N, C-alpha and C. Protein backbone atom coordinates (compact mmCIF):
# COMPACT_ATOMS: atom_id res chain seq x y z
N MET A 1 4.43 -33.14 -27.77
CA MET A 1 4.66 -33.73 -26.44
C MET A 1 3.54 -33.30 -25.49
N GLN A 2 3.01 -34.25 -24.69
CA GLN A 2 1.96 -33.91 -23.75
C GLN A 2 2.49 -33.02 -22.64
N LEU A 3 1.56 -32.23 -22.01
CA LEU A 3 1.95 -31.25 -20.99
C LEU A 3 2.70 -31.91 -19.84
N LYS A 4 2.18 -33.03 -19.36
CA LYS A 4 2.79 -33.68 -18.19
C LYS A 4 4.20 -34.17 -18.52
N THR A 5 4.36 -34.74 -19.74
CA THR A 5 5.67 -35.23 -20.15
C THR A 5 6.68 -34.11 -20.31
N LEU A 6 6.23 -32.98 -20.92
CA LEU A 6 7.09 -31.82 -21.11
C LEU A 6 7.53 -31.25 -19.78
N ALA A 7 6.62 -31.13 -18.84
CA ALA A 7 6.95 -30.57 -17.53
C ALA A 7 7.98 -31.44 -16.83
N GLY A 8 7.80 -32.79 -16.93
CA GLY A 8 8.74 -33.68 -16.27
C GLY A 8 10.13 -33.57 -16.86
N ALA A 9 10.18 -33.47 -18.17
CA ALA A 9 11.47 -33.35 -18.84
C ALA A 9 12.19 -32.07 -18.44
N LEU A 10 11.46 -30.98 -18.37
CA LEU A 10 12.05 -29.70 -18.01
C LEU A 10 12.53 -29.69 -16.56
N LEU A 11 11.78 -30.33 -15.69
CA LEU A 11 12.19 -30.40 -14.29
C LEU A 11 13.48 -31.19 -14.15
N LEU A 12 13.60 -32.29 -14.90
CA LEU A 12 14.83 -33.07 -14.86
C LEU A 12 16.01 -32.26 -15.36
N ALA A 13 15.78 -31.45 -16.38
CA ALA A 13 16.85 -30.59 -16.90
C ALA A 13 17.28 -29.59 -15.86
N ALA A 14 16.32 -29.05 -15.13
CA ALA A 14 16.63 -28.05 -14.10
C ALA A 14 17.47 -28.66 -12.99
N LEU A 15 17.08 -29.89 -12.59
CA LEU A 15 17.81 -30.54 -11.51
C LEU A 15 19.21 -30.93 -11.96
N ALA A 16 19.33 -31.30 -13.23
CA ALA A 16 20.61 -31.78 -13.73
C ALA A 16 21.66 -30.69 -13.79
N ASP A 17 21.28 -29.51 -14.26
CA ASP A 17 22.31 -28.47 -14.44
C ASP A 17 22.16 -27.27 -13.52
N GLY A 18 21.16 -27.31 -12.62
CA GLY A 18 21.00 -26.22 -11.67
C GLY A 18 20.60 -24.92 -12.32
N SER A 19 20.08 -24.98 -13.53
CA SER A 19 19.73 -23.77 -14.27
C SER A 19 18.47 -23.14 -13.73
N ALA A 20 18.56 -21.86 -13.33
CA ALA A 20 17.38 -21.13 -12.86
C ALA A 20 16.39 -20.96 -13.99
N ALA A 21 16.93 -20.76 -15.19
CA ALA A 21 16.06 -20.57 -16.35
C ALA A 21 15.26 -21.83 -16.63
N ALA A 22 15.91 -22.99 -16.53
CA ALA A 22 15.22 -24.25 -16.76
C ALA A 22 14.16 -24.49 -15.70
N ALA A 23 14.49 -24.16 -14.45
CA ALA A 23 13.54 -24.33 -13.36
C ALA A 23 12.31 -23.46 -13.56
N ALA A 24 12.53 -22.22 -13.98
CA ALA A 24 11.42 -21.31 -14.22
C ALA A 24 10.56 -21.81 -15.37
N GLN A 25 11.22 -22.36 -16.42
CA GLN A 25 10.49 -22.88 -17.56
C GLN A 25 9.66 -24.08 -17.15
N ALA A 26 10.21 -24.90 -16.28
CA ALA A 26 9.48 -26.07 -15.80
C ALA A 26 8.26 -25.66 -15.00
N ALA A 27 8.42 -24.67 -14.14
CA ALA A 27 7.29 -24.19 -13.33
C ALA A 27 6.20 -23.64 -14.21
N ALA A 28 6.60 -22.93 -15.25
CA ALA A 28 5.62 -22.36 -16.16
C ALA A 28 4.87 -23.45 -16.90
N ALA A 29 5.59 -24.53 -17.25
CA ALA A 29 4.96 -25.62 -17.97
C ALA A 29 3.94 -26.34 -17.10
N GLN A 30 4.21 -26.41 -15.79
CA GLN A 30 3.30 -27.08 -14.87
C GLN A 30 2.07 -26.25 -14.57
N ALA A 31 2.16 -24.94 -14.68
CA ALA A 31 1.02 -24.08 -14.38
C ALA A 31 0.00 -24.20 -15.49
N PRO A 32 -1.29 -24.38 -15.14
CA PRO A 32 -2.33 -24.45 -16.16
C PRO A 32 -2.36 -23.18 -16.99
N ALA A 33 -2.67 -23.34 -18.26
CA ALA A 33 -2.72 -22.19 -19.16
C ALA A 33 -3.70 -21.15 -18.64
N GLY A 34 -3.26 -19.88 -18.69
CA GLY A 34 -4.14 -18.79 -18.26
C GLY A 34 -4.16 -18.58 -16.77
N GLN A 35 -3.38 -19.39 -16.00
CA GLN A 35 -3.39 -19.26 -14.55
C GLN A 35 -2.02 -18.88 -14.01
N GLU A 36 -1.19 -18.25 -14.83
CA GLU A 36 0.11 -17.79 -14.37
C GLU A 36 -0.08 -16.74 -13.27
N LYS A 37 0.77 -16.78 -12.29
CA LYS A 37 0.66 -15.85 -11.17
C LYS A 37 0.94 -14.43 -11.62
N LYS A 38 0.01 -13.54 -11.30
CA LYS A 38 0.16 -12.15 -11.71
C LYS A 38 0.87 -11.34 -10.61
N GLU A 39 1.66 -10.38 -11.04
CA GLU A 39 2.36 -9.53 -10.10
C GLU A 39 1.38 -8.57 -9.44
N ALA A 40 1.38 -8.51 -8.11
CA ALA A 40 0.50 -7.60 -7.39
C ALA A 40 1.03 -6.18 -7.49
N THR A 41 0.16 -5.26 -7.86
CA THR A 41 0.57 -3.86 -7.98
C THR A 41 -0.27 -2.93 -7.12
N GLY A 42 -1.12 -3.51 -6.27
CA GLY A 42 -1.91 -2.68 -5.38
C GLY A 42 -3.15 -2.07 -6.01
N LYS A 43 -3.63 -2.65 -7.10
CA LYS A 43 -4.89 -2.19 -7.67
C LYS A 43 -6.03 -2.63 -6.76
N VAL A 44 -7.17 -1.95 -6.85
CA VAL A 44 -8.32 -2.35 -6.06
C VAL A 44 -8.70 -3.78 -6.42
N GLY A 45 -8.86 -4.60 -5.39
CA GLY A 45 -9.18 -6.00 -5.58
C GLY A 45 -7.97 -6.91 -5.54
N GLU A 46 -6.76 -6.32 -5.61
CA GLU A 46 -5.51 -7.09 -5.54
C GLU A 46 -4.90 -6.98 -4.15
N MET A 47 -3.98 -7.89 -3.86
CA MET A 47 -3.17 -7.76 -2.66
C MET A 47 -2.13 -6.68 -2.90
N LEU A 48 -1.66 -6.07 -1.82
CA LEU A 48 -0.52 -5.18 -1.94
C LEU A 48 0.71 -6.01 -2.32
N PRO A 49 1.66 -5.43 -3.01
CA PRO A 49 2.91 -6.15 -3.27
C PRO A 49 3.54 -6.57 -1.94
N PRO A 50 4.09 -7.77 -1.86
CA PRO A 50 4.68 -8.24 -0.60
C PRO A 50 5.95 -7.48 -0.26
N MET A 51 5.94 -6.81 0.89
CA MET A 51 7.10 -6.06 1.35
C MET A 51 7.21 -6.20 2.86
N THR A 52 8.39 -6.47 3.34
CA THR A 52 8.63 -6.49 4.78
C THR A 52 9.65 -5.39 5.08
N VAL A 53 9.22 -4.41 5.86
CA VAL A 53 10.05 -3.22 6.08
C VAL A 53 10.05 -2.83 7.55
N LYS A 54 10.93 -1.90 7.88
CA LYS A 54 10.98 -1.34 9.22
C LYS A 54 10.28 0.02 9.23
N VAL A 55 9.40 0.22 10.21
CA VAL A 55 8.73 1.49 10.39
C VAL A 55 8.94 1.96 11.83
N MET A 56 8.61 3.20 12.08
CA MET A 56 8.70 3.73 13.44
C MET A 56 7.29 3.89 14.01
N ARG A 57 7.07 3.31 15.18
CA ARG A 57 5.80 3.43 15.88
C ARG A 57 6.08 3.92 17.30
N ASP A 58 5.53 5.06 17.63
CA ASP A 58 5.73 5.63 18.98
C ASP A 58 7.21 5.72 19.33
N GLY A 59 8.02 6.10 18.33
CA GLY A 59 9.44 6.28 18.57
C GLY A 59 10.25 5.01 18.61
N LYS A 60 9.62 3.87 18.33
CA LYS A 60 10.33 2.59 18.35
C LYS A 60 10.24 1.91 16.99
N GLU A 61 11.31 1.24 16.62
CA GLU A 61 11.33 0.53 15.34
C GLU A 61 10.47 -0.72 15.42
N ALA A 62 9.68 -0.95 14.38
CA ALA A 62 8.82 -2.13 14.32
C ALA A 62 8.84 -2.68 12.90
N SER A 63 8.51 -3.96 12.78
CA SER A 63 8.47 -4.61 11.48
C SER A 63 7.07 -4.54 10.91
N LEU A 64 6.98 -4.37 9.59
CA LEU A 64 5.70 -4.32 8.91
C LEU A 64 5.74 -5.23 7.69
N ASP A 65 4.75 -6.12 7.59
CA ASP A 65 4.57 -6.96 6.41
C ASP A 65 3.29 -6.48 5.73
N THR A 66 3.42 -5.98 4.51
CA THR A 66 2.26 -5.36 3.84
C THR A 66 1.13 -6.34 3.56
N GLN A 67 1.44 -7.63 3.53
CA GLN A 67 0.38 -8.61 3.27
C GLN A 67 -0.09 -9.33 4.53
N LYS A 68 0.56 -9.04 5.66
CA LYS A 68 0.20 -9.75 6.89
C LYS A 68 0.06 -8.80 8.08
N ASN A 69 -0.45 -7.60 7.82
CA ASN A 69 -0.60 -6.65 8.93
C ASN A 69 -1.74 -7.05 9.85
N GLY A 70 -2.71 -7.78 9.32
CA GLY A 70 -3.77 -8.33 10.16
C GLY A 70 -4.85 -7.38 10.57
N LYS A 71 -4.88 -6.19 9.99
CA LYS A 71 -5.93 -5.23 10.33
C LYS A 71 -6.19 -4.31 9.15
N VAL A 72 -7.33 -3.65 9.18
CA VAL A 72 -7.62 -2.65 8.14
C VAL A 72 -6.54 -1.58 8.23
N THR A 73 -5.94 -1.26 7.09
CA THR A 73 -4.79 -0.36 7.10
C THR A 73 -4.91 0.70 6.01
N ALA A 74 -4.59 1.93 6.37
CA ALA A 74 -4.55 3.03 5.40
C ALA A 74 -3.09 3.42 5.18
N TYR A 75 -2.60 3.20 3.97
CA TYR A 75 -1.25 3.61 3.59
C TYR A 75 -1.37 4.98 2.91
N VAL A 76 -0.76 5.99 3.53
CA VAL A 76 -0.88 7.37 3.04
C VAL A 76 0.46 7.80 2.47
N LEU A 77 0.51 8.09 1.18
CA LEU A 77 1.75 8.54 0.55
C LEU A 77 1.90 10.04 0.79
N VAL A 78 2.98 10.42 1.46
CA VAL A 78 3.15 11.82 1.85
C VAL A 78 4.56 12.30 1.50
N GLY A 79 4.71 13.63 1.53
CA GLY A 79 6.01 14.23 1.31
C GLY A 79 6.10 15.55 2.06
N VAL A 80 7.27 15.84 2.57
CA VAL A 80 7.48 17.07 3.34
C VAL A 80 7.15 18.29 2.49
N SER A 81 7.57 18.27 1.24
CA SER A 81 7.36 19.42 0.36
C SER A 81 6.17 19.25 -0.57
N CYS A 82 5.42 18.19 -0.39
CA CYS A 82 4.28 17.92 -1.26
C CYS A 82 3.14 18.91 -0.99
N PRO A 83 2.64 19.61 -2.01
CA PRO A 83 1.56 20.58 -1.80
C PRO A 83 0.23 19.94 -1.39
N ALA A 84 0.12 18.62 -1.52
CA ALA A 84 -1.12 17.95 -1.14
C ALA A 84 -1.01 17.24 0.20
N THR A 85 0.11 17.43 0.91
CA THR A 85 0.27 16.79 2.21
C THR A 85 -0.11 17.72 3.35
N LYS A 86 0.52 18.87 3.42
CA LYS A 86 0.28 19.80 4.53
C LYS A 86 -1.18 20.21 4.68
N PRO A 87 -1.90 20.52 3.58
CA PRO A 87 -3.30 20.92 3.74
C PRO A 87 -4.18 19.84 4.37
N TYR A 88 -3.72 18.59 4.28
CA TYR A 88 -4.51 17.49 4.83
C TYR A 88 -4.03 17.03 6.21
N ALA A 89 -3.04 17.69 6.76
CA ALA A 89 -2.46 17.23 8.02
C ALA A 89 -3.50 17.11 9.14
N GLU A 90 -4.30 18.14 9.32
CA GLU A 90 -5.31 18.10 10.39
C GLU A 90 -6.39 17.08 10.09
N ARG A 91 -6.78 16.96 8.83
CA ARG A 91 -7.82 16.00 8.48
C ARG A 91 -7.35 14.56 8.66
N LEU A 92 -6.08 14.32 8.36
CA LEU A 92 -5.54 12.99 8.59
C LEU A 92 -5.47 12.68 10.08
N ALA A 93 -5.10 13.67 10.87
CA ALA A 93 -5.08 13.47 12.33
C ALA A 93 -6.48 13.17 12.85
N ALA A 94 -7.48 13.84 12.27
CA ALA A 94 -8.88 13.61 12.66
C ALA A 94 -9.33 12.19 12.26
N LEU A 95 -8.89 11.74 11.10
CA LEU A 95 -9.21 10.38 10.67
C LEU A 95 -8.58 9.36 11.62
N GLU A 96 -7.35 9.62 12.03
CA GLU A 96 -6.70 8.75 13.01
C GLU A 96 -7.52 8.68 14.30
N ALA A 97 -7.92 9.85 14.79
CA ALA A 97 -8.66 9.92 16.05
C ALA A 97 -9.98 9.16 15.97
N ALA A 98 -10.57 9.19 14.78
CA ALA A 98 -11.87 8.54 14.61
C ALA A 98 -11.75 7.03 14.40
N TYR A 99 -10.69 6.59 13.70
CA TYR A 99 -10.65 5.18 13.28
C TYR A 99 -9.58 4.32 13.92
N MET A 100 -8.54 4.91 14.48
CA MET A 100 -7.55 4.07 15.16
C MET A 100 -8.15 3.36 16.37
N PRO A 101 -9.04 4.00 17.14
CA PRO A 101 -9.68 3.27 18.24
C PRO A 101 -10.55 2.11 17.77
N LYS A 102 -10.92 2.12 16.48
CA LYS A 102 -11.72 1.03 15.92
C LYS A 102 -10.85 -0.05 15.28
N GLY A 103 -9.53 0.10 15.45
CA GLY A 103 -8.62 -0.93 14.98
C GLY A 103 -7.96 -0.68 13.64
N VAL A 104 -8.15 0.52 13.08
CA VAL A 104 -7.53 0.84 11.79
C VAL A 104 -6.09 1.30 12.02
N ASP A 105 -5.19 0.79 11.19
CA ASP A 105 -3.78 1.18 11.25
C ASP A 105 -3.51 2.22 10.17
N PHE A 106 -2.74 3.24 10.52
CA PHE A 106 -2.34 4.27 9.56
C PHE A 106 -0.83 4.19 9.37
N ILE A 107 -0.40 4.09 8.12
CA ILE A 107 1.02 4.04 7.78
C ILE A 107 1.32 5.21 6.84
N TYR A 108 2.21 6.10 7.25
CA TYR A 108 2.58 7.24 6.41
C TYR A 108 3.87 6.90 5.67
N VAL A 109 3.74 6.81 4.35
CA VAL A 109 4.87 6.38 3.52
C VAL A 109 5.52 7.61 2.90
N TYR A 110 6.72 7.94 3.37
CA TYR A 110 7.46 9.10 2.85
C TYR A 110 8.29 8.63 1.65
N VAL A 111 7.83 8.99 0.46
CA VAL A 111 8.39 8.42 -0.76
C VAL A 111 9.32 9.36 -1.54
N ASN A 112 9.41 10.62 -1.12
CA ASN A 112 10.24 11.57 -1.88
C ASN A 112 11.73 11.39 -1.57
N LYS A 113 12.51 11.06 -2.58
CA LYS A 113 13.94 10.79 -2.38
C LYS A 113 14.75 11.99 -1.88
N PRO A 114 14.56 13.21 -2.39
CA PRO A 114 15.44 14.31 -1.98
C PRO A 114 15.32 14.71 -0.51
N GLU A 115 14.20 14.37 0.11
CA GLU A 115 13.97 14.78 1.50
C GLU A 115 14.78 13.91 2.45
N THR A 116 15.39 14.53 3.44
CA THR A 116 16.22 13.78 4.39
C THR A 116 15.36 13.09 5.43
N ALA A 117 15.92 12.06 6.03
CA ALA A 117 15.21 11.33 7.09
C ALA A 117 14.88 12.25 8.26
N ALA A 118 15.80 13.16 8.57
CA ALA A 118 15.57 14.09 9.68
C ALA A 118 14.41 15.03 9.38
N ASP A 119 14.36 15.54 8.15
CA ASP A 119 13.27 16.44 7.77
C ASP A 119 11.92 15.71 7.79
N LYS A 120 11.93 14.47 7.34
CA LYS A 120 10.69 13.69 7.33
C LYS A 120 10.19 13.43 8.76
N SER A 121 11.12 13.06 9.62
CA SER A 121 10.76 12.78 11.01
C SER A 121 10.23 14.03 11.71
N LYS A 122 10.88 15.15 11.47
CA LYS A 122 10.44 16.42 12.06
C LYS A 122 9.04 16.79 11.57
N PHE A 123 8.84 16.65 10.28
CA PHE A 123 7.53 16.96 9.68
C PHE A 123 6.44 16.07 10.27
N HIS A 124 6.74 14.79 10.42
CA HIS A 124 5.78 13.82 10.97
C HIS A 124 5.33 14.23 12.37
N LYS A 125 6.30 14.65 13.17
CA LYS A 125 5.99 15.07 14.54
C LYS A 125 5.19 16.36 14.55
N GLU A 126 5.53 17.29 13.65
CA GLU A 126 4.81 18.56 13.57
C GLU A 126 3.35 18.36 13.19
N CYS A 127 3.10 17.35 12.37
CA CYS A 127 1.73 17.06 11.95
C CYS A 127 0.94 16.34 13.05
N LYS A 128 1.65 15.87 14.08
CA LYS A 128 1.04 15.21 15.23
C LYS A 128 0.29 13.94 14.83
N TRP A 129 0.87 13.23 13.88
CA TRP A 129 0.26 11.98 13.45
C TRP A 129 0.67 10.85 14.37
N ALA A 130 -0.29 10.02 14.73
CA ALA A 130 -0.03 8.88 15.61
C ALA A 130 0.33 7.63 14.82
N GLY A 131 0.04 7.65 13.52
CA GLY A 131 0.32 6.49 12.68
C GLY A 131 1.80 6.26 12.48
N ALA A 132 2.12 5.10 11.93
CA ALA A 132 3.51 4.70 11.74
C ALA A 132 4.22 5.55 10.70
N PHE A 133 5.52 5.73 10.89
CA PHE A 133 6.39 6.50 10.00
C PHE A 133 7.25 5.53 9.20
N TRP A 134 7.09 5.56 7.87
CA TRP A 134 7.86 4.68 6.98
C TRP A 134 8.72 5.56 6.09
N ASN A 135 10.03 5.55 6.33
CA ASN A 135 10.96 6.31 5.50
C ASN A 135 11.35 5.45 4.30
N ASP A 136 10.60 5.57 3.22
CA ASP A 136 10.83 4.77 2.03
C ASP A 136 11.87 5.47 1.15
N GLU A 137 13.13 5.32 1.53
CA GLU A 137 14.23 6.08 0.91
C GLU A 137 14.39 5.82 -0.58
N THR A 138 14.04 4.63 -1.03
CA THR A 138 14.21 4.29 -2.44
C THR A 138 12.90 4.35 -3.23
N SER A 139 11.84 4.84 -2.57
CA SER A 139 10.51 4.91 -3.20
C SER A 139 10.04 3.52 -3.64
N ALA A 140 10.42 2.50 -2.89
CA ALA A 140 10.09 1.12 -3.25
C ALA A 140 8.58 0.89 -3.27
N PHE A 141 7.87 1.47 -2.30
CA PHE A 141 6.42 1.27 -2.23
C PHE A 141 5.73 1.92 -3.42
N ALA A 142 6.14 3.15 -3.73
CA ALA A 142 5.54 3.86 -4.86
C ALA A 142 5.81 3.12 -6.17
N LYS A 143 7.02 2.60 -6.32
CA LYS A 143 7.36 1.87 -7.54
C LYS A 143 6.56 0.58 -7.65
N ALA A 144 6.47 -0.16 -6.53
CA ALA A 144 5.78 -1.44 -6.55
C ALA A 144 4.28 -1.29 -6.80
N THR A 145 3.71 -0.19 -6.30
CA THR A 145 2.27 0.03 -6.49
C THR A 145 1.98 0.94 -7.68
N LYS A 146 3.04 1.36 -8.37
CA LYS A 146 2.91 2.25 -9.53
C LYS A 146 2.17 3.54 -9.18
N ALA A 147 2.47 4.05 -7.99
CA ALA A 147 1.86 5.31 -7.54
C ALA A 147 2.61 6.49 -8.15
N GLY A 148 1.88 7.47 -8.65
CA GLY A 148 2.52 8.61 -9.30
C GLY A 148 2.45 9.90 -8.52
N LYS A 149 1.67 9.91 -7.42
CA LYS A 149 1.48 11.15 -6.67
C LYS A 149 1.48 10.89 -5.16
N THR A 150 2.02 11.84 -4.42
CA THR A 150 1.78 11.84 -2.98
C THR A 150 0.36 12.37 -2.78
N GLY A 151 -0.19 12.13 -1.60
CA GLY A 151 -1.58 12.51 -1.37
C GLY A 151 -2.53 11.36 -1.65
N GLU A 152 -1.99 10.25 -2.17
CA GLU A 152 -2.82 9.07 -2.45
C GLU A 152 -2.89 8.17 -1.22
N VAL A 153 -4.04 7.53 -1.04
CA VAL A 153 -4.25 6.61 0.07
C VAL A 153 -4.66 5.24 -0.47
N LEU A 154 -4.01 4.20 0.02
CA LEU A 154 -4.40 2.83 -0.30
C LEU A 154 -4.92 2.19 0.98
N ILE A 155 -6.16 1.75 0.95
CA ILE A 155 -6.76 1.10 2.11
C ILE A 155 -6.85 -0.39 1.84
N THR A 156 -6.35 -1.18 2.78
CA THR A 156 -6.44 -2.64 2.66
C THR A 156 -7.33 -3.20 3.76
N ASP A 157 -7.93 -4.34 3.47
CA ASP A 157 -8.69 -5.03 4.51
C ASP A 157 -7.74 -5.84 5.38
N LYS A 158 -8.29 -6.62 6.28
CA LYS A 158 -7.45 -7.37 7.23
C LYS A 158 -6.55 -8.39 6.54
N ASP A 159 -6.94 -8.79 5.33
CA ASP A 159 -6.16 -9.79 4.61
C ASP A 159 -5.12 -9.17 3.68
N GLY A 160 -5.04 -7.84 3.66
CA GLY A 160 -4.06 -7.17 2.82
C GLY A 160 -4.54 -6.87 1.41
N LYS A 161 -5.83 -7.07 1.15
CA LYS A 161 -6.37 -6.78 -0.18
C LYS A 161 -6.79 -5.31 -0.26
N VAL A 162 -6.45 -4.66 -1.35
CA VAL A 162 -6.77 -3.24 -1.53
C VAL A 162 -8.27 -3.08 -1.82
N VAL A 163 -8.94 -2.25 -1.00
CA VAL A 163 -10.37 -2.02 -1.18
C VAL A 163 -10.68 -0.58 -1.61
N TYR A 164 -9.69 0.29 -1.44
CA TYR A 164 -9.83 1.68 -1.89
C TYR A 164 -8.46 2.19 -2.27
N ARG A 165 -8.43 3.01 -3.33
CA ARG A 165 -7.19 3.65 -3.73
C ARG A 165 -7.51 4.98 -4.41
N GLY A 166 -7.11 6.08 -3.75
CA GLY A 166 -7.39 7.39 -4.31
C GLY A 166 -7.11 8.50 -3.31
N GLY A 167 -7.75 9.64 -3.52
CA GLY A 167 -7.54 10.80 -2.66
C GLY A 167 -8.26 10.69 -1.33
N ILE A 168 -8.05 11.70 -0.48
CA ILE A 168 -8.62 11.71 0.87
C ILE A 168 -10.06 12.21 0.84
N ASP A 169 -10.25 13.34 0.18
CA ASP A 169 -11.59 13.88 -0.05
C ASP A 169 -11.53 14.77 -1.29
N ASP A 170 -12.62 15.49 -1.57
CA ASP A 170 -12.67 16.25 -2.82
C ASP A 170 -12.38 17.74 -2.68
N SER A 171 -11.75 18.13 -1.57
CA SER A 171 -11.42 19.55 -1.38
C SER A 171 -10.03 19.69 -0.77
N LEU A 172 -9.07 20.10 -1.59
CA LEU A 172 -7.68 20.17 -1.13
C LEU A 172 -7.47 21.19 -0.03
N ASN A 173 -7.87 22.43 -0.25
CA ASN A 173 -7.49 23.53 0.64
C ASN A 173 -8.52 23.93 1.69
N ASP A 174 -9.74 23.47 1.56
CA ASP A 174 -10.78 23.87 2.50
C ASP A 174 -11.59 22.66 2.93
N ALA A 175 -11.33 22.20 4.14
CA ALA A 175 -12.00 21.00 4.65
C ALA A 175 -13.51 21.19 4.75
N THR A 176 -13.95 22.42 4.98
CA THR A 176 -15.39 22.67 5.14
C THR A 176 -16.16 22.50 3.83
N LYS A 177 -15.42 22.52 2.72
CA LYS A 177 -16.08 22.38 1.42
C LYS A 177 -16.03 20.95 0.87
N ALA A 178 -15.50 20.05 1.66
CA ALA A 178 -15.42 18.65 1.23
C ALA A 178 -16.80 18.00 1.26
N LYS A 179 -17.22 17.53 0.12
CA LYS A 179 -18.52 16.86 0.02
C LYS A 179 -18.36 15.34 -0.01
N ASP A 180 -17.35 14.89 -0.76
CA ASP A 180 -17.07 13.46 -0.82
C ASP A 180 -15.85 13.14 0.03
N LYS A 181 -16.08 12.53 1.17
CA LYS A 181 -14.98 12.16 2.06
C LYS A 181 -14.64 10.69 1.79
N TYR A 182 -13.84 10.51 0.74
CA TYR A 182 -13.59 9.19 0.20
C TYR A 182 -13.04 8.20 1.23
N VAL A 183 -12.00 8.61 1.94
CA VAL A 183 -11.33 7.70 2.86
C VAL A 183 -12.24 7.34 4.04
N ALA A 184 -12.89 8.33 4.61
CA ALA A 184 -13.79 8.08 5.74
C ALA A 184 -14.92 7.13 5.34
N ALA A 185 -15.49 7.37 4.15
CA ALA A 185 -16.59 6.52 3.69
C ALA A 185 -16.12 5.08 3.47
N ALA A 186 -14.93 4.94 2.88
CA ALA A 186 -14.39 3.60 2.63
C ALA A 186 -14.12 2.87 3.94
N LEU A 187 -13.57 3.57 4.91
CA LEU A 187 -13.28 2.94 6.21
C LEU A 187 -14.57 2.52 6.91
N GLU A 188 -15.58 3.34 6.85
CA GLU A 188 -16.86 3.00 7.47
C GLU A 188 -17.41 1.70 6.88
N GLU A 189 -17.33 1.60 5.56
CA GLU A 189 -17.91 0.42 4.90
C GLU A 189 -17.09 -0.84 5.17
N VAL A 190 -15.77 -0.75 5.07
CA VAL A 190 -14.97 -1.95 5.28
C VAL A 190 -15.05 -2.42 6.73
N LEU A 191 -15.14 -1.49 7.67
CA LEU A 191 -15.27 -1.88 9.08
C LEU A 191 -16.63 -2.52 9.36
N ALA A 192 -17.62 -2.15 8.56
CA ALA A 192 -18.95 -2.73 8.71
C ALA A 192 -19.10 -4.05 7.95
N GLY A 193 -18.01 -4.47 7.30
CA GLY A 193 -18.06 -5.72 6.57
C GLY A 193 -18.73 -5.60 5.21
N LYS A 194 -18.84 -4.38 4.72
CA LYS A 194 -19.50 -4.14 3.44
C LYS A 194 -18.47 -3.91 2.34
N ALA A 195 -18.90 -4.09 1.10
CA ALA A 195 -18.06 -3.76 -0.04
C ALA A 195 -17.96 -2.24 -0.14
N VAL A 196 -16.78 -1.74 -0.47
CA VAL A 196 -16.61 -0.30 -0.59
C VAL A 196 -17.31 0.19 -1.85
N THR A 197 -18.19 1.18 -1.68
CA THR A 197 -19.01 1.68 -2.79
C THR A 197 -18.18 2.48 -3.78
N LYS A 198 -17.43 3.43 -3.26
CA LYS A 198 -16.60 4.28 -4.12
C LYS A 198 -15.14 3.91 -3.87
N THR A 199 -14.55 3.23 -4.83
CA THR A 199 -13.21 2.65 -4.62
C THR A 199 -12.07 3.57 -5.03
N THR A 200 -12.38 4.78 -5.52
CA THR A 200 -11.34 5.72 -5.86
C THR A 200 -11.88 7.15 -5.78
N GLY A 201 -10.97 8.09 -5.76
CA GLY A 201 -11.32 9.52 -5.72
C GLY A 201 -10.13 10.33 -6.19
N LYS A 202 -10.36 11.57 -6.55
CA LYS A 202 -9.30 12.42 -7.10
C LYS A 202 -8.13 12.58 -6.14
N VAL A 203 -6.92 12.43 -6.67
CA VAL A 203 -5.70 12.65 -5.89
C VAL A 203 -5.14 14.01 -6.29
N PHE A 204 -4.90 14.90 -5.33
CA PHE A 204 -4.46 16.26 -5.63
C PHE A 204 -2.95 16.41 -5.71
N GLY A 205 -2.19 15.41 -5.27
CA GLY A 205 -0.74 15.54 -5.22
C GLY A 205 -0.08 15.71 -6.57
């Protein structure tokens, strides 16, 4: 049976019995071979998985669409008890101070399930971060992006495409010894309209 005829037959079957399975089969038949839609997992070069969530900005609840934020965005996976979060608190605040005035958005994604919302909120304030607070109670972001560690940063361009994914810099405990400042370098390049040279770096979490 020709492709067009098969697709038409399957679509009629879907309409006739309301079968979701038949509808899905029909859609697959209509899609050209090798062009099936791939699931976004947040790899460099891909869009972030589509998620619409509530975050806290300046003490107020706001909506966030991961694919329609409209600005360069750094998603920072953090945890109250994560050994790779606290050592970077001041450096993250410095990155905010340097790049938020240039239009970069910072989203802190709290992905650790055992930590309470109150503990996360307190920790966020203690770190003096100006970026948005996302209490990801079910670790949905980490699961969707297949992230395995806190301390990881995903940077997207204005269109929601991931341009960098990795650590903050190459020195966990001593900022003065950091030679490769991965996140800062990536932000500089994407803001300048350039391709990011180094798209990943070691994650210490």
